Amino acid sequence: MKILSSFVDSGASVKDNARAIWDGIAMVEKVADDSWFWRVWTYQEQLLPKKHVLLDGQELCFDRLERCFAWYYNITSNHILEQPKDGNVYEFIDLGGFGFEGKPWGNLINSWKMKATLERDGYIDFLPAVAITDQRQCTFPVDRLLGIYGLLKEDDRVPLNEPNTDFLATESKIPRVP
């Protein structure tokens, strides 16, 4: 990702570096399609820590990821990047349309921007957070709300009722069959 961000941060010419930039799309796809980014409960793991360290010791920088994805989206959707001769064919790249077709990567970009909001304000906004968790995987639909509940502004948190577990404490009144 450092290689990709060097293009983004340096303002390097897309035309002069088209082949390397085009080949970098494979890395962008590999990162973005990783299931870790698409689970509700890992959203907190993305937002809360100040630093993310991978198992191999490398630091994962969400601000760098966000810049790379936004940059790739911009250069593909605005027709700045063209497929080089003999360049890999990426079915999801629509150079005549809106960049990444069929990939909800805009959702990832927005979710990574939320980290800055959380660090600045101490909370995330309810509606954008719900829109982000709507596209994430979970076991139960309520997890989409519970996964962000603690990150919300106090005014946005509705009281959650304790589940009624009285039935667990009583003995069954169903007669046993001999």
N, C-alpha and C. Protein backbone atom coordinates (compact mmCIF):
# COMPACT_ATOMS: atom_id res chain seq x y z
N MET A 1 0.83 -1.19 0.00
CA MET A 1 0.00 0.00 0.00
C MET A 1 0.87 1.25 0.00
N LYS A 2 2.09 1.15 0.56
CA LYS A 2 2.99 2.30 0.55
C LYS A 2 3.31 2.72 -0.88
N ILE A 3 3.46 1.72 -1.76
CA ILE A 3 3.76 2.02 -3.16
C ILE A 3 2.61 2.82 -3.77
N LEU A 4 1.39 2.37 -3.53
CA LEU A 4 0.22 3.07 -4.07
C LEU A 4 0.11 4.46 -3.50
N SER A 5 0.31 4.58 -2.19
CA SER A 5 0.16 5.91 -1.60
C SER A 5 1.25 6.86 -2.06
N SER A 6 2.39 6.32 -2.51
CA SER A 6 3.43 7.22 -3.02
C SER A 6 2.96 7.92 -4.29
N PHE A 7 2.16 7.24 -5.11
CA PHE A 7 1.58 7.89 -6.29
C PHE A 7 0.58 8.95 -5.87
N VAL A 8 -0.27 8.57 -4.93
CA VAL A 8 -1.34 9.45 -4.48
C VAL A 8 -0.77 10.71 -3.84
N ASP A 9 0.14 10.52 -2.90
CA ASP A 9 0.66 11.64 -2.12
C ASP A 9 1.66 12.51 -2.86
N SER A 10 2.33 11.95 -3.87
CA SER A 10 3.36 12.73 -4.56
C SER A 10 2.79 13.58 -5.69
N GLY A 11 1.57 13.28 -6.10
CA GLY A 11 1.00 14.00 -7.23
C GLY A 11 1.62 13.57 -8.54
N ALA A 12 2.14 12.34 -8.57
CA ALA A 12 2.79 11.82 -9.77
C ALA A 12 1.81 11.82 -10.94
N SER A 13 2.33 11.99 -12.10
CA SER A 13 1.52 12.01 -13.32
C SER A 13 0.89 10.65 -13.56
N VAL A 14 -0.42 10.64 -13.70
CA VAL A 14 -1.12 9.39 -13.99
C VAL A 14 -0.69 8.87 -15.35
N LYS A 15 -0.58 9.76 -16.31
CA LYS A 15 -0.22 9.35 -17.67
C LYS A 15 1.18 8.73 -17.70
N ASP A 16 2.13 9.35 -17.01
CA ASP A 16 3.51 8.84 -17.01
C ASP A 16 3.67 7.55 -16.22
N ASN A 17 2.77 7.28 -15.32
CA ASN A 17 2.86 6.11 -14.45
C ASN A 17 1.67 5.17 -14.64
N ALA A 18 1.02 5.26 -15.79
CA ALA A 18 -0.24 4.54 -16.01
C ALA A 18 -0.11 3.05 -15.79
N ARG A 19 0.96 2.44 -16.25
CA ARG A 19 1.10 0.98 -16.12
C ARG A 19 1.18 0.57 -14.65
N ALA A 20 2.03 1.22 -13.89
CA ALA A 20 2.18 0.87 -12.47
C ALA A 20 0.88 1.15 -11.71
N ILE A 21 0.24 2.25 -12.03
CA ILE A 21 -1.02 2.60 -11.37
C ILE A 21 -2.10 1.57 -11.74
N TRP A 22 -2.16 1.23 -13.02
CA TRP A 22 -3.15 0.24 -13.46
C TRP A 22 -2.91 -1.10 -12.78
N ASP A 23 -1.66 -1.54 -12.72
CA ASP A 23 -1.34 -2.82 -12.07
C ASP A 23 -1.65 -2.77 -10.57
N GLY A 24 -1.61 -1.59 -9.97
CA GLY A 24 -1.93 -1.44 -8.55
C GLY A 24 -3.39 -1.70 -8.23
N ILE A 25 -4.23 -1.67 -9.24
CA ILE A 25 -5.66 -1.93 -9.02
C ILE A 25 -5.86 -3.31 -8.43
N ALA A 26 -5.02 -4.27 -8.82
CA ALA A 26 -5.14 -5.63 -8.26
C ALA A 26 -4.95 -5.62 -6.75
N MET A 27 -4.02 -4.82 -6.26
CA MET A 27 -3.79 -4.73 -4.82
C MET A 27 -4.97 -4.04 -4.14
N VAL A 28 -5.49 -3.01 -4.76
CA VAL A 28 -6.65 -2.32 -4.21
C VAL A 28 -7.83 -3.29 -4.10
N GLU A 29 -8.03 -4.07 -5.15
CA GLU A 29 -9.13 -5.04 -5.13
C GLU A 29 -8.92 -6.08 -4.04
N LYS A 30 -7.71 -6.57 -3.90
CA LYS A 30 -7.43 -7.60 -2.89
C LYS A 30 -7.72 -7.07 -1.48
N VAL A 31 -7.30 -5.86 -1.20
CA VAL A 31 -7.55 -5.26 0.11
C VAL A 31 -9.05 -5.04 0.32
N ALA A 32 -9.70 -4.42 -0.63
CA ALA A 32 -11.11 -4.05 -0.47
C ALA A 32 -12.04 -5.25 -0.41
N ASP A 33 -11.68 -6.33 -1.06
CA ASP A 33 -12.55 -7.49 -1.07
C ASP A 33 -12.32 -8.42 0.11
N ASP A 34 -11.36 -8.11 0.96
CA ASP A 34 -11.10 -8.93 2.12
C ASP A 34 -12.33 -8.89 3.04
N SER A 35 -12.79 -10.04 3.48
CA SER A 35 -14.04 -10.11 4.26
C SER A 35 -13.95 -9.36 5.58
N TRP A 36 -12.75 -9.14 6.11
CA TRP A 36 -12.61 -8.43 7.38
C TRP A 36 -13.23 -7.04 7.30
N PHE A 37 -13.10 -6.40 6.14
CA PHE A 37 -13.62 -5.05 5.97
C PHE A 37 -15.15 -5.01 5.88
N TRP A 38 -15.78 -6.15 5.72
CA TRP A 38 -17.21 -6.17 5.43
C TRP A 38 -18.06 -6.76 6.54
N ARG A 39 -17.49 -6.96 7.72
CA ARG A 39 -18.26 -7.47 8.86
C ARG A 39 -18.62 -6.32 9.79
N VAL A 40 -19.81 -6.38 10.35
CA VAL A 40 -20.29 -5.31 11.23
C VAL A 40 -19.36 -5.14 12.43
N TRP A 41 -19.00 -6.22 13.09
CA TRP A 41 -18.26 -6.10 14.34
C TRP A 41 -16.83 -5.64 14.12
N THR A 42 -16.26 -5.83 12.94
CA THR A 42 -14.90 -5.33 12.71
C THR A 42 -14.91 -3.84 12.42
N TYR A 43 -16.09 -3.27 12.22
CA TYR A 43 -16.16 -1.82 12.02
C TYR A 43 -15.64 -1.09 13.25
N GLN A 44 -15.99 -1.60 14.43
CA GLN A 44 -15.45 -1.00 15.66
C GLN A 44 -13.93 -1.16 15.71
N GLU A 45 -13.44 -2.30 15.26
CA GLU A 45 -12.00 -2.53 15.24
C GLU A 45 -11.29 -1.55 14.32
N GLN A 46 -11.98 -1.11 13.30
CA GLN A 46 -11.40 -0.11 12.39
C GLN A 46 -11.40 1.26 13.03
N LEU A 47 -12.48 1.60 13.72
CA LEU A 47 -12.66 2.97 14.20
C LEU A 47 -11.96 3.28 15.52
N LEU A 48 -11.95 2.36 16.44
CA LEU A 48 -11.54 2.68 17.80
C LEU A 48 -10.03 2.79 18.05
N PRO A 49 -9.21 1.89 17.57
CA PRO A 49 -7.78 1.99 17.90
C PRO A 49 -7.12 3.20 17.25
N LYS A 50 -6.14 3.74 17.94
CA LYS A 50 -5.34 4.83 17.37
C LYS A 50 -4.38 4.28 16.33
N LYS A 51 -3.97 3.03 16.51
CA LYS A 51 -2.99 2.41 15.62
C LYS A 51 -3.42 0.97 15.35
N HIS A 52 -3.29 0.53 14.11
CA HIS A 52 -3.63 -0.83 13.71
C HIS A 52 -2.33 -1.53 13.29
N VAL A 53 -1.97 -2.58 13.98
CA VAL A 53 -0.75 -3.32 13.66
C VAL A 53 -1.16 -4.71 13.19
N LEU A 54 -0.67 -5.07 12.02
CA LEU A 54 -0.98 -6.38 11.44
C LEU A 54 -0.09 -7.44 12.08
N LEU A 55 -0.43 -8.70 11.86
CA LEU A 55 0.32 -9.80 12.46
C LEU A 55 1.80 -9.79 12.07
N ASP A 56 2.11 -9.27 10.89
CA ASP A 56 3.51 -9.23 10.46
C ASP A 56 4.24 -7.98 10.95
N GLY A 57 3.57 -7.18 11.79
CA GLY A 57 4.20 -6.00 12.37
C GLY A 57 3.99 -4.71 11.60
N GLN A 58 3.45 -4.79 10.39
CA GLN A 58 3.19 -3.58 9.60
C GLN A 58 2.00 -2.82 10.19
N GLU A 59 2.06 -1.52 10.04
CA GLU A 59 0.94 -0.70 10.49
C GLU A 59 -0.05 -0.52 9.33
N LEU A 60 -1.33 -0.66 9.64
CA LEU A 60 -2.39 -0.44 8.66
C LEU A 60 -2.94 0.96 8.89
N CYS A 61 -2.78 1.81 7.91
CA CYS A 61 -3.20 3.21 8.03
C CYS A 61 -4.47 3.44 7.23
N PHE A 62 -5.60 3.62 7.93
CA PHE A 62 -6.87 3.80 7.24
C PHE A 62 -6.93 5.12 6.49
N ASP A 63 -6.23 6.14 6.97
CA ASP A 63 -6.23 7.40 6.22
C ASP A 63 -5.55 7.21 4.88
N ARG A 64 -4.50 6.40 4.84
CA ARG A 64 -3.80 6.11 3.58
C ARG A 64 -4.70 5.28 2.65
N LEU A 65 -5.38 4.28 3.23
CA LEU A 65 -6.31 3.48 2.43
C LEU A 65 -7.40 4.35 1.82
N GLU A 66 -7.95 5.23 2.64
CA GLU A 66 -9.03 6.10 2.15
C GLU A 66 -8.54 6.98 1.01
N ARG A 67 -7.35 7.55 1.15
CA ARG A 67 -6.80 8.40 0.08
C ARG A 67 -6.57 7.60 -1.19
N CYS A 68 -6.02 6.38 -1.06
CA CYS A 68 -5.77 5.54 -2.24
C CYS A 68 -7.07 5.18 -2.95
N PHE A 69 -8.07 4.74 -2.19
CA PHE A 69 -9.33 4.36 -2.82
C PHE A 69 -10.02 5.54 -3.46
N ALA A 70 -10.03 6.66 -2.77
CA ALA A 70 -10.67 7.86 -3.32
C ALA A 70 -9.94 8.31 -4.58
N TRP A 71 -8.62 8.22 -4.56
CA TRP A 71 -7.83 8.62 -5.72
C TRP A 71 -8.11 7.70 -6.91
N TYR A 72 -8.11 6.39 -6.67
CA TYR A 72 -8.42 5.44 -7.76
C TYR A 72 -9.83 5.67 -8.28
N TYR A 73 -10.75 5.88 -7.38
CA TYR A 73 -12.13 6.16 -7.82
C TYR A 73 -12.16 7.40 -8.69
N ASN A 74 -11.47 8.44 -8.29
CA ASN A 74 -11.43 9.69 -9.04
C ASN A 74 -10.81 9.51 -10.42
N ILE A 75 -9.67 8.85 -10.49
CA ILE A 75 -8.99 8.75 -11.80
C ILE A 75 -9.69 7.79 -12.75
N THR A 76 -10.47 6.83 -12.21
CA THR A 76 -11.22 5.96 -13.11
C THR A 76 -12.55 6.58 -13.51
N SER A 77 -13.26 7.17 -12.56
CA SER A 77 -14.58 7.74 -12.89
C SER A 77 -14.47 9.03 -13.71
N ASN A 78 -13.35 9.73 -13.60
CA ASN A 78 -13.16 10.95 -14.39
C ASN A 78 -12.32 10.73 -15.65
N HIS A 79 -12.12 9.47 -15.97
CA HIS A 79 -11.46 9.08 -17.22
C HIS A 79 -10.03 9.61 -17.33
N ILE A 80 -9.34 9.74 -16.22
CA ILE A 80 -7.95 10.19 -16.23
C ILE A 80 -7.03 9.00 -16.50
N LEU A 81 -7.40 7.83 -15.99
CA LEU A 81 -6.62 6.62 -16.19
C LEU A 81 -7.21 5.80 -17.32
N GLU A 82 -6.35 5.36 -18.21
CA GLU A 82 -6.77 4.48 -19.30
C GLU A 82 -6.06 3.15 -19.16
N GLN A 83 -6.72 2.10 -19.61
CA GLN A 83 -6.10 0.78 -19.55
C GLN A 83 -4.92 0.74 -20.50
N PRO A 84 -3.72 0.40 -19.99
CA PRO A 84 -2.55 0.31 -20.87
C PRO A 84 -2.66 -0.89 -21.81
N LYS A 85 -1.93 -0.85 -22.89
CA LYS A 85 -1.88 -2.00 -23.80
C LYS A 85 -1.41 -3.20 -23.00
N ASP A 86 -2.05 -4.32 -23.21
CA ASP A 86 -1.73 -5.56 -22.51
C ASP A 86 -1.94 -5.47 -21.00
N GLY A 87 -2.67 -4.45 -20.54
CA GLY A 87 -2.98 -4.34 -19.11
C GLY A 87 -4.04 -5.34 -18.71
N ASN A 88 -3.99 -5.76 -17.46
CA ASN A 88 -5.00 -6.69 -16.96
C ASN A 88 -6.39 -6.11 -17.19
N VAL A 89 -7.33 -7.01 -17.44
CA VAL A 89 -8.72 -6.60 -17.58
C VAL A 89 -9.39 -6.76 -16.22
N TYR A 90 -9.95 -5.69 -15.73
CA TYR A 90 -10.69 -5.72 -14.47
C TYR A 90 -12.15 -5.51 -14.82
N GLU A 91 -12.94 -6.55 -14.60
CA GLU A 91 -14.35 -6.51 -14.98
C GLU A 91 -15.11 -5.38 -14.28
N PHE A 92 -14.67 -4.99 -13.10
CA PHE A 92 -15.39 -4.00 -12.30
C PHE A 92 -14.99 -2.57 -12.63
N ILE A 93 -13.98 -2.38 -13.46
CA ILE A 93 -13.56 -1.04 -13.85
C ILE A 93 -14.35 -0.63 -15.09
N ASP A 94 -15.08 0.45 -14.97
CA ASP A 94 -15.85 0.98 -16.09
C ASP A 94 -15.28 2.35 -16.43
N LEU A 95 -14.33 2.37 -17.33
CA LEU A 95 -13.67 3.63 -17.67
C LEU A 95 -14.59 4.59 -18.42
N GLY A 96 -15.68 4.08 -18.95
CA GLY A 96 -16.62 4.95 -19.64
C GLY A 96 -17.75 5.41 -18.73
N GLY A 97 -17.75 4.90 -17.51
CA GLY A 97 -18.87 5.20 -16.61
C GLY A 97 -18.40 5.82 -15.31
N PHE A 98 -18.65 5.09 -14.23
CA PHE A 98 -18.44 5.67 -12.91
C PHE A 98 -17.35 4.94 -12.11
N GLY A 99 -16.28 4.55 -12.74
CA GLY A 99 -15.17 3.97 -11.99
C GLY A 99 -15.41 2.53 -11.61
N PHE A 100 -15.55 2.26 -10.34
CA PHE A 100 -15.71 0.90 -9.84
C PHE A 100 -17.17 0.47 -9.92
N GLU A 101 -17.53 -0.20 -10.97
CA GLU A 101 -18.90 -0.66 -11.15
C GLU A 101 -19.11 -1.97 -10.40
N GLY A 102 -20.19 -2.06 -9.67
CA GLY A 102 -20.53 -3.30 -8.99
C GLY A 102 -19.74 -3.55 -7.72
N LYS A 103 -18.93 -2.62 -7.30
CA LYS A 103 -18.16 -2.76 -6.06
C LYS A 103 -18.59 -1.64 -5.12
N PRO A 104 -19.00 -1.99 -3.92
CA PRO A 104 -19.46 -0.95 -2.97
C PRO A 104 -18.30 -0.29 -2.23
N TRP A 105 -17.23 0.01 -2.95
CA TRP A 105 -16.04 0.54 -2.30
C TRP A 105 -16.23 1.97 -1.81
N GLY A 106 -17.19 2.68 -2.37
CA GLY A 106 -17.50 4.01 -1.84
C GLY A 106 -17.90 3.90 -0.38
N ASN A 107 -18.56 2.80 -0.03
CA ASN A 107 -18.94 2.55 1.35
C ASN A 107 -17.70 2.42 2.23
N LEU A 108 -16.67 1.76 1.74
CA LEU A 108 -15.42 1.65 2.51
C LEU A 108 -14.78 3.01 2.70
N ILE A 109 -14.73 3.80 1.64
CA ILE A 109 -14.13 5.13 1.73
C ILE A 109 -14.87 5.95 2.80
N ASN A 110 -16.19 5.91 2.76
CA ASN A 110 -16.98 6.66 3.76
C ASN A 110 -16.75 6.12 5.17
N SER A 111 -16.62 4.80 5.30
CA SER A 111 -16.41 4.24 6.64
C SER A 111 -15.06 4.65 7.19
N TRP A 112 -14.05 4.75 6.34
CA TRP A 112 -12.73 5.17 6.82
C TRP A 112 -12.73 6.66 7.17
N LYS A 113 -13.53 7.44 6.48
CA LYS A 113 -13.64 8.86 6.82
C LYS A 113 -14.30 9.03 8.20
N MET A 114 -15.14 8.07 8.58
CA MET A 114 -15.80 8.14 9.88
C MET A 114 -14.79 8.11 11.02
N LYS A 115 -13.65 7.48 10.80
CA LYS A 115 -12.63 7.42 11.84
C LYS A 115 -12.19 8.84 12.22
N ALA A 116 -12.01 9.69 11.23
CA ALA A 116 -11.63 11.08 11.51
C ALA A 116 -12.74 11.80 12.29
N THR A 117 -13.98 11.53 11.94
CA THR A 117 -15.11 12.13 12.65
C THR A 117 -15.12 11.68 14.10
N LEU A 118 -14.93 10.39 14.33
CA LEU A 118 -14.92 9.86 15.69
C LEU A 118 -13.78 10.47 16.51
N GLU A 119 -12.59 10.57 15.90
CA GLU A 119 -11.46 11.15 16.62
C GLU A 119 -11.68 12.63 16.93
N ARG A 120 -12.30 13.34 15.99
CA ARG A 120 -12.53 14.77 16.18
C ARG A 120 -13.66 15.06 17.16
N ASP A 121 -14.80 14.35 17.00
CA ASP A 121 -16.01 14.67 17.76
C ASP A 121 -16.27 13.76 18.96
N GLY A 122 -15.65 12.58 18.94
CA GLY A 122 -15.89 11.62 20.02
C GLY A 122 -17.09 10.72 19.76
N TYR A 123 -17.72 10.86 18.63
CA TYR A 123 -18.87 10.03 18.26
C TYR A 123 -19.00 10.04 16.74
N ILE A 124 -19.83 9.12 16.22
CA ILE A 124 -20.13 9.12 14.80
C ILE A 124 -21.61 9.45 14.62
N ASP A 125 -21.96 9.97 13.47
CA ASP A 125 -23.34 10.35 13.19
C ASP A 125 -24.17 9.11 12.84
N PHE A 126 -25.38 9.09 13.36
CA PHE A 126 -26.25 7.92 13.26
C PHE A 126 -26.54 7.49 11.81
N LEU A 127 -27.11 8.39 11.00
CA LEU A 127 -27.55 7.99 9.66
C LEU A 127 -26.42 7.52 8.76
N PRO A 128 -25.29 8.23 8.68
CA PRO A 128 -24.19 7.69 7.86
C PRO A 128 -23.69 6.34 8.40
N ALA A 129 -23.67 6.18 9.71
CA ALA A 129 -23.20 4.92 10.29
C ALA A 129 -24.13 3.77 9.93
N VAL A 130 -25.43 4.02 9.96
CA VAL A 130 -26.40 2.98 9.58
C VAL A 130 -26.24 2.65 8.10
N ALA A 131 -26.04 3.65 7.27
CA ALA A 131 -25.83 3.39 5.84
C ALA A 131 -24.59 2.54 5.61
N ILE A 132 -23.57 2.74 6.41
CA ILE A 132 -22.34 1.96 6.26
C ILE A 132 -22.55 0.53 6.75
N THR A 133 -23.17 0.36 7.91
CA THR A 133 -23.34 -1.00 8.43
C THR A 133 -24.39 -1.79 7.65
N ASP A 134 -25.23 -1.09 6.90
CA ASP A 134 -26.25 -1.77 6.09
C ASP A 134 -25.61 -2.71 5.06
N GLN A 135 -24.42 -2.39 4.60
CA GLN A 135 -23.76 -3.22 3.59
C GLN A 135 -22.77 -4.20 4.20
N ARG A 136 -22.79 -4.34 5.50
CA ARG A 136 -21.84 -5.23 6.17
C ARG A 136 -22.52 -6.53 6.59
N GLN A 137 -21.72 -7.56 6.71
CA GLN A 137 -22.21 -8.88 7.05
C GLN A 137 -22.41 -9.00 8.56
N CYS A 138 -23.47 -9.70 8.93
CA CYS A 138 -23.73 -9.96 10.34
C CYS A 138 -24.59 -11.21 10.46
N THR A 139 -24.61 -11.76 11.67
CA THR A 139 -25.43 -12.94 11.91
C THR A 139 -26.89 -12.56 12.08
N PHE A 140 -27.12 -11.49 12.83
CA PHE A 140 -28.49 -11.04 13.10
C PHE A 140 -28.62 -9.59 12.64
N PRO A 141 -29.73 -9.22 12.02
CA PRO A 141 -29.89 -7.84 11.55
C PRO A 141 -29.70 -6.79 12.64
N VAL A 142 -30.07 -7.09 13.88
CA VAL A 142 -29.93 -6.12 14.96
C VAL A 142 -28.46 -5.78 15.21
N ASP A 143 -27.56 -6.67 14.81
CA ASP A 143 -26.12 -6.40 14.98
C ASP A 143 -25.68 -5.15 14.22
N ARG A 144 -26.40 -4.79 13.18
CA ARG A 144 -26.05 -3.58 12.43
C ARG A 144 -26.19 -2.34 13.31
N LEU A 145 -27.14 -2.36 14.22
CA LEU A 145 -27.29 -1.26 15.17
C LEU A 145 -26.37 -1.45 16.37
N LEU A 146 -26.34 -2.66 16.92
CA LEU A 146 -25.53 -2.90 18.11
C LEU A 146 -24.03 -2.69 17.82
N GLY A 147 -23.62 -2.93 16.58
CA GLY A 147 -22.22 -2.76 16.21
C GLY A 147 -21.76 -1.31 16.24
N ILE A 148 -22.68 -0.37 16.19
CA ILE A 148 -22.31 1.05 16.21
C ILE A 148 -22.85 1.78 17.44
N TYR A 149 -23.68 1.11 18.23
CA TYR A 149 -24.40 1.76 19.33
C TYR A 149 -23.47 2.56 20.26
N GLY A 150 -22.39 1.98 20.70
CA GLY A 150 -21.49 2.65 21.63
C GLY A 150 -20.71 3.80 21.01
N LEU A 151 -20.71 3.88 19.68
CA LEU A 151 -19.98 4.93 18.98
C LEU A 151 -20.84 6.17 18.71
N LEU A 152 -22.13 6.04 19.00
CA LEU A 152 -23.07 7.12 18.70
C LEU A 152 -23.05 8.20 19.77
N LYS A 153 -23.48 9.39 19.37
CA LYS A 153 -23.68 10.50 20.31
C LYS A 153 -24.77 10.08 21.30
N GLU A 154 -24.63 10.48 22.52
CA GLU A 154 -25.58 10.10 23.58
C GLU A 154 -27.02 10.39 23.16
N ASP A 155 -27.27 11.53 22.51
CA ASP A 155 -28.63 11.89 22.09
C ASP A 155 -29.20 10.94 21.04
N ASP A 156 -28.33 10.27 20.30
CA ASP A 156 -28.78 9.36 19.24
C ASP A 156 -29.05 7.95 19.75
N ARG A 157 -28.66 7.68 20.97
CA ARG A 157 -28.85 6.33 21.53
C ARG A 157 -30.25 6.22 22.13
N VAL A 158 -31.01 5.31 21.62
CA VAL A 158 -32.32 5.03 22.20
C VAL A 158 -32.12 3.97 23.28
N PRO A 159 -32.93 4.01 24.33
CA PRO A 159 -32.78 2.99 25.38
C PRO A 159 -33.05 1.60 24.81
N LEU A 160 -32.20 0.68 25.17
CA LEU A 160 -32.40 -0.70 24.74
C LEU A 160 -33.04 -1.46 25.90
N ASN A 161 -34.14 -2.12 25.62
CA ASN A 161 -34.83 -2.88 26.65
C ASN A 161 -34.07 -4.17 26.93
N GLU A 162 -34.02 -4.52 28.20
CA GLU A 162 -33.44 -5.79 28.58
C GLU A 162 -34.37 -6.89 28.07
N PRO A 163 -33.83 -7.96 27.55
CA PRO A 163 -34.71 -9.04 27.10
C PRO A 163 -35.39 -9.70 28.29
N ASN A 164 -36.62 -10.13 28.09
CA ASN A 164 -37.37 -10.80 29.14
C ASN A 164 -36.87 -12.25 29.21
N THR A 165 -36.21 -12.57 30.32
CA THR A 165 -35.68 -13.92 30.49
C THR A 165 -36.37 -14.66 31.63
N ASP A 166 -37.52 -14.15 32.07
CA ASP A 166 -38.24 -14.80 33.17
C ASP A 166 -38.55 -16.26 32.88
N PHE A 167 -38.82 -16.56 31.64
CA PHE A 167 -39.19 -17.93 31.29
C PHE A 167 -38.05 -18.91 31.56
N LEU A 168 -36.81 -18.43 31.63
CA LEU A 168 -35.69 -19.31 31.89
C LEU A 168 -35.65 -19.78 33.34
N ALA A 169 -36.19 -18.99 34.25
CA ALA A 169 -36.14 -19.30 35.68
C ALA A 169 -37.27 -20.21 36.13
N THR A 170 -38.30 -20.36 35.33
CA THR A 170 -39.44 -21.18 35.75
C THR A 170 -39.33 -22.59 35.20
N GLU A 171 -39.94 -23.51 35.94
CA GLU A 171 -39.94 -24.89 35.47
C GLU A 171 -41.01 -25.04 34.40
N SER A 172 -40.77 -25.97 33.55
CA SER A 172 -41.72 -26.22 32.49
C SER A 172 -43.01 -26.80 33.06
N LYS A 173 -44.15 -26.32 32.60
CA LYS A 173 -45.45 -26.81 33.04
C LYS A 173 -46.00 -27.86 32.05
N ILE A 174 -45.18 -28.22 31.12
CA ILE A 174 -45.62 -29.22 30.15
C ILE A 174 -45.51 -30.59 30.81
N PRO A 175 -46.63 -31.34 30.81
CA PRO A 175 -46.57 -32.66 31.45
C PRO A 175 -45.63 -33.59 30.67
N ARG A 176 -44.92 -34.38 31.43
CA ARG A 176 -44.00 -35.35 30.81
C ARG A 176 -44.80 -36.56 30.35
N VAL A 177 -44.41 -37.09 29.25
CA VAL A 177 -45.06 -38.31 28.72
C VAL A 177 -44.32 -39.50 29.33
N PRO A 178 -45.08 -40.43 29.98
CA PRO A 178 -44.40 -41.57 30.61
C PRO A 178 -43.80 -42.52 29.61
